Amino acid sequence: MSHRDVLRSAPSEAADVVGRTGHKGARRPGSDADLLALGSSPTDAVSAVTDIRAVYRTGHRARRANPPSHRTRESTRN
């Protein structure tokens, strides 16, 4: 299975597992519009999924509770 195939199937498979098919894991009218904006393409390297630039939950941009610039060394050890 290619990176692209894995990335396309992961959201819908996860939605099926938790019983949220039709609401989660799809980009279509009526779905919840939960999205990640990445800094690079995960089809080139799967590690790109860790380069998260923004999170959208139900169509609204989520804010970080503890942005990286405000973290202390102690808080990153957990």
N, C-alpha and C. Protein backbone atom coordinates (compact mmCIF):
# COMPACT_ATOMS: atom_id res chain seq x y z
N MET A 1 0.85 -1.17 0.00
CA MET A 1 0.00 0.00 0.00
C MET A 1 0.90 1.24 0.00
N SER A 2 0.60 2.21 -0.83
CA SER A 2 1.42 3.42 -0.93
C SER A 2 1.13 4.37 0.24
N HIS A 3 2.02 5.35 0.45
CA HIS A 3 1.78 6.37 1.48
C HIS A 3 0.43 7.05 1.23
N ARG A 4 0.18 7.38 -0.01
CA ARG A 4 -1.07 8.07 -0.38
C ARG A 4 -2.29 7.22 -0.01
N ASP A 5 -2.24 5.92 -0.29
CA ASP A 5 -3.36 5.04 0.04
C ASP A 5 -3.57 4.94 1.55
N VAL A 6 -2.48 4.85 2.29
CA VAL A 6 -2.58 4.78 3.75
C VAL A 6 -3.20 6.06 4.29
N LEU A 7 -2.73 7.20 3.82
CA LEU A 7 -3.24 8.48 4.30
C LEU A 7 -4.70 8.69 3.93
N ARG A 8 -5.11 8.20 2.79
CA ARG A 8 -6.52 8.34 2.40
C ARG A 8 -7.43 7.42 3.20
N SER A 9 -6.96 6.24 3.54
CA SER A 9 -7.82 5.28 4.23
C SER A 9 -7.84 5.47 5.74
N ALA A 10 -6.80 6.03 6.33
CA ALA A 10 -6.71 6.13 7.79
C ALA A 10 -7.89 6.87 8.43
N PRO A 11 -8.27 8.05 7.96
CA PRO A 11 -9.38 8.75 8.61
C PRO A 11 -10.71 7.99 8.53
N SER A 12 -11.03 7.44 7.38
CA SER A 12 -12.30 6.73 7.25
C SER A 12 -12.30 5.43 8.04
N GLU A 13 -11.17 4.74 8.07
CA GLU A 13 -11.09 3.50 8.86
C GLU A 13 -11.24 3.80 10.35
N ALA A 14 -10.61 4.87 10.82
CA ALA A 14 -10.73 5.26 12.23
C ALA A 14 -12.18 5.62 12.56
N ALA A 15 -12.85 6.33 11.67
CA ALA A 15 -14.25 6.69 11.88
C ALA A 15 -15.12 5.44 11.97
N ASP A 16 -14.85 4.46 11.13
CA ASP A 16 -15.60 3.20 11.18
C ASP A 16 -15.42 2.51 12.53
N VAL A 17 -14.19 2.48 13.02
CA VAL A 17 -13.89 1.79 14.29
C VAL A 17 -14.66 2.41 15.45
N VAL A 18 -14.78 3.74 15.47
CA VAL A 18 -15.46 4.39 16.59
C VAL A 18 -16.94 4.67 16.31
N GLY A 19 -17.45 4.12 15.21
CA GLY A 19 -18.87 4.25 14.90
C GLY A 19 -19.30 5.63 14.46
N ARG A 20 -18.41 6.39 13.81
CA ARG A 20 -18.73 7.76 13.38
C ARG A 20 -18.69 7.93 11.87
N THR A 21 -18.86 6.84 11.13
CA THR A 21 -18.88 6.91 9.67
C THR A 21 -19.94 7.92 9.23
N GLY A 22 -19.58 8.77 8.29
CA GLY A 22 -20.51 9.79 7.81
C GLY A 22 -20.34 11.13 8.49
N HIS A 23 -19.77 11.12 9.70
CA HIS A 23 -19.53 12.37 10.43
C HIS A 23 -18.05 12.68 10.51
N LYS A 24 -17.23 11.66 10.64
CA LYS A 24 -15.78 11.81 10.77
C LYS A 24 -15.10 11.09 9.61
N GLY A 25 -13.86 11.51 9.33
CA GLY A 25 -13.04 10.78 8.37
C GLY A 25 -13.34 10.99 6.91
N ALA A 26 -14.11 12.03 6.59
CA ALA A 26 -14.46 12.28 5.19
C ALA A 26 -14.55 13.78 4.93
N ARG A 27 -14.27 14.15 3.69
CA ARG A 27 -14.45 15.55 3.27
C ARG A 27 -15.67 15.58 2.37
N ARG A 28 -16.81 15.82 2.97
CA ARG A 28 -18.05 15.88 2.20
C ARG A 28 -19.09 16.66 3.00
N PRO A 29 -20.11 17.18 2.33
CA PRO A 29 -21.16 17.91 3.04
C PRO A 29 -21.76 17.05 4.15
N GLY A 30 -21.93 17.65 5.32
CA GLY A 30 -22.51 16.94 6.46
C GLY A 30 -21.49 16.34 7.40
N SER A 31 -20.23 16.27 6.98
CA SER A 31 -19.20 15.75 7.88
C SER A 31 -18.76 16.86 8.83
N ASP A 32 -18.00 16.50 9.86
CA ASP A 32 -17.66 17.44 10.93
C ASP A 32 -16.55 18.44 10.59
N ALA A 33 -15.86 18.30 9.48
CA ALA A 33 -14.80 19.22 9.06
C ALA A 33 -13.68 19.32 10.09
N ASP A 34 -13.19 18.18 10.56
CA ASP A 34 -12.01 18.12 11.41
C ASP A 34 -10.82 17.92 10.49
N LEU A 35 -9.89 18.87 10.47
CA LEU A 35 -8.78 18.83 9.53
C LEU A 35 -7.46 19.20 10.19
N LEU A 36 -6.37 18.71 9.61
CA LEU A 36 -5.02 19.12 9.99
C LEU A 36 -4.40 19.83 8.80
N ALA A 37 -3.74 20.94 9.04
CA ALA A 37 -2.96 21.61 7.99
C ALA A 37 -1.50 21.31 8.29
N LEU A 38 -0.83 20.68 7.33
CA LEU A 38 0.56 20.26 7.51
C LEU A 38 1.51 21.19 6.76
N GLY A 39 2.75 21.26 7.24
CA GLY A 39 3.75 22.11 6.61
C GLY A 39 4.36 21.52 5.37
N SER A 40 4.21 20.22 5.18
CA SER A 40 4.74 19.56 3.98
C SER A 40 3.85 18.38 3.64
N SER A 41 4.09 17.78 2.50
CA SER A 41 3.22 16.72 2.02
C SER A 41 3.56 15.36 2.64
N PRO A 42 2.61 14.72 3.30
CA PRO A 42 2.86 13.40 3.86
C PRO A 42 2.95 12.31 2.79
N THR A 43 2.61 12.64 1.54
CA THR A 43 2.79 11.63 0.48
C THR A 43 4.25 11.50 0.11
N ASP A 44 5.06 12.50 0.43
CA ASP A 44 6.50 12.43 0.19
C ASP A 44 7.23 11.70 1.32
N ALA A 45 6.81 11.97 2.55
CA ALA A 45 7.40 11.33 3.72
C ALA A 45 6.35 11.28 4.81
N VAL A 46 6.08 10.10 5.33
CA VAL A 46 5.05 9.93 6.36
C VAL A 46 5.37 10.79 7.59
N SER A 47 6.64 11.05 7.86
CA SER A 47 7.02 11.87 9.01
C SER A 47 6.45 13.28 8.92
N ALA A 48 6.00 13.70 7.76
CA ALA A 48 5.41 15.04 7.60
C ALA A 48 4.17 15.22 8.45
N VAL A 49 3.52 14.14 8.87
CA VAL A 49 2.32 14.27 9.69
C VAL A 49 2.63 14.86 11.06
N THR A 50 3.89 14.93 11.44
CA THR A 50 4.25 15.56 12.71
C THR A 50 4.47 17.06 12.56
N ASP A 51 4.45 17.57 11.33
CA ASP A 51 4.66 18.99 11.06
C ASP A 51 3.31 19.70 10.97
N ILE A 52 2.58 19.70 12.07
CA ILE A 52 1.22 20.24 12.11
C ILE A 52 1.27 21.76 12.25
N ARG A 53 0.66 22.45 11.31
CA ARG A 53 0.64 23.92 11.34
C ARG A 53 -0.67 24.47 11.89
N ALA A 54 -1.76 23.75 11.71
CA ALA A 54 -3.06 24.20 12.22
C ALA A 54 -3.98 23.00 12.36
N VAL A 55 -4.91 23.11 13.30
CA VAL A 55 -5.92 22.09 13.53
C VAL A 55 -7.29 22.77 13.44
N TYR A 56 -8.17 22.16 12.68
CA TYR A 56 -9.54 22.66 12.56
C TYR A 56 -10.47 21.59 13.11
N ARG A 57 -11.32 22.00 14.02
CA ARG A 57 -12.30 21.09 14.62
C ARG A 57 -13.68 21.65 14.34
N THR A 58 -14.51 20.85 13.75
CA THR A 58 -15.85 21.25 13.28
C THR A 58 -15.79 22.55 12.48
N GLY A 59 -14.75 22.67 11.65
CA GLY A 59 -14.61 23.80 10.76
C GLY A 59 -14.00 25.05 11.35
N HIS A 60 -13.66 25.02 12.63
CA HIS A 60 -13.08 26.19 13.29
C HIS A 60 -11.64 25.90 13.70
N ARG A 61 -10.77 26.89 13.51
CA ARG A 61 -9.37 26.71 13.87
C ARG A 61 -9.24 26.60 15.39
N ALA A 62 -8.59 25.53 15.83
CA ALA A 62 -8.37 25.31 17.26
C ALA A 62 -7.12 26.07 17.70
N ARG A 63 -7.12 26.51 18.93
CA ARG A 63 -5.96 27.20 19.49
C ARG A 63 -5.25 26.26 20.44
N ARG A 64 -3.93 26.35 20.45
CA ARG A 64 -3.14 25.52 21.36
C ARG A 64 -3.25 26.05 22.78
N ALA A 65 -3.41 25.13 23.72
CA ALA A 65 -3.44 25.51 25.12
C ALA A 65 -2.06 25.91 25.61
N ASN A 66 -1.03 25.30 25.04
CA ASN A 66 0.34 25.53 25.48
C ASN A 66 1.25 25.63 24.26
N PRO A 67 1.29 26.78 23.58
CA PRO A 67 2.12 26.90 22.38
C PRO A 67 3.59 26.63 22.66
N PRO A 68 4.32 26.11 21.68
CA PRO A 68 5.73 25.78 21.88
C PRO A 68 6.56 26.93 22.41
N SER A 69 6.30 28.16 22.00
CA SER A 69 7.10 29.29 22.44
C SER A 69 6.90 29.60 23.92
N HIS A 70 5.83 29.10 24.51
CA HIS A 70 5.56 29.36 25.92
C HIS A 70 5.87 28.18 26.82
N ARG A 71 6.33 27.10 26.26
CA ARG A 71 6.64 25.91 27.06
C ARG A 71 7.95 26.10 27.80
N THR A 72 7.99 25.54 28.97
CA THR A 72 9.25 25.54 29.72
C THR A 72 9.91 24.19 29.55
N ARG A 73 11.16 24.11 29.86
CA ARG A 73 11.88 22.84 29.74
C ARG A 73 11.20 21.76 30.58
N GLU A 74 10.73 22.12 31.78
CA GLU A 74 10.09 21.14 32.66
C GLU A 74 8.78 20.61 32.07
N SER A 75 8.00 21.49 31.41
CA SER A 75 6.72 21.04 30.88
C SER A 75 6.87 20.13 29.67
N THR A 76 8.02 20.16 29.01
CA THR A 76 8.21 19.29 27.84
C THR A 76 8.77 17.93 28.21
N ARG A 77 9.09 17.73 29.46
CA ARG A 77 9.64 16.43 29.90
C ARG A 77 8.56 15.40 30.13
N ASN A 78 7.32 15.79 30.27
CA ASN A 78 6.23 14.85 30.56
C ASN A 78 5.85 14.07 29.36
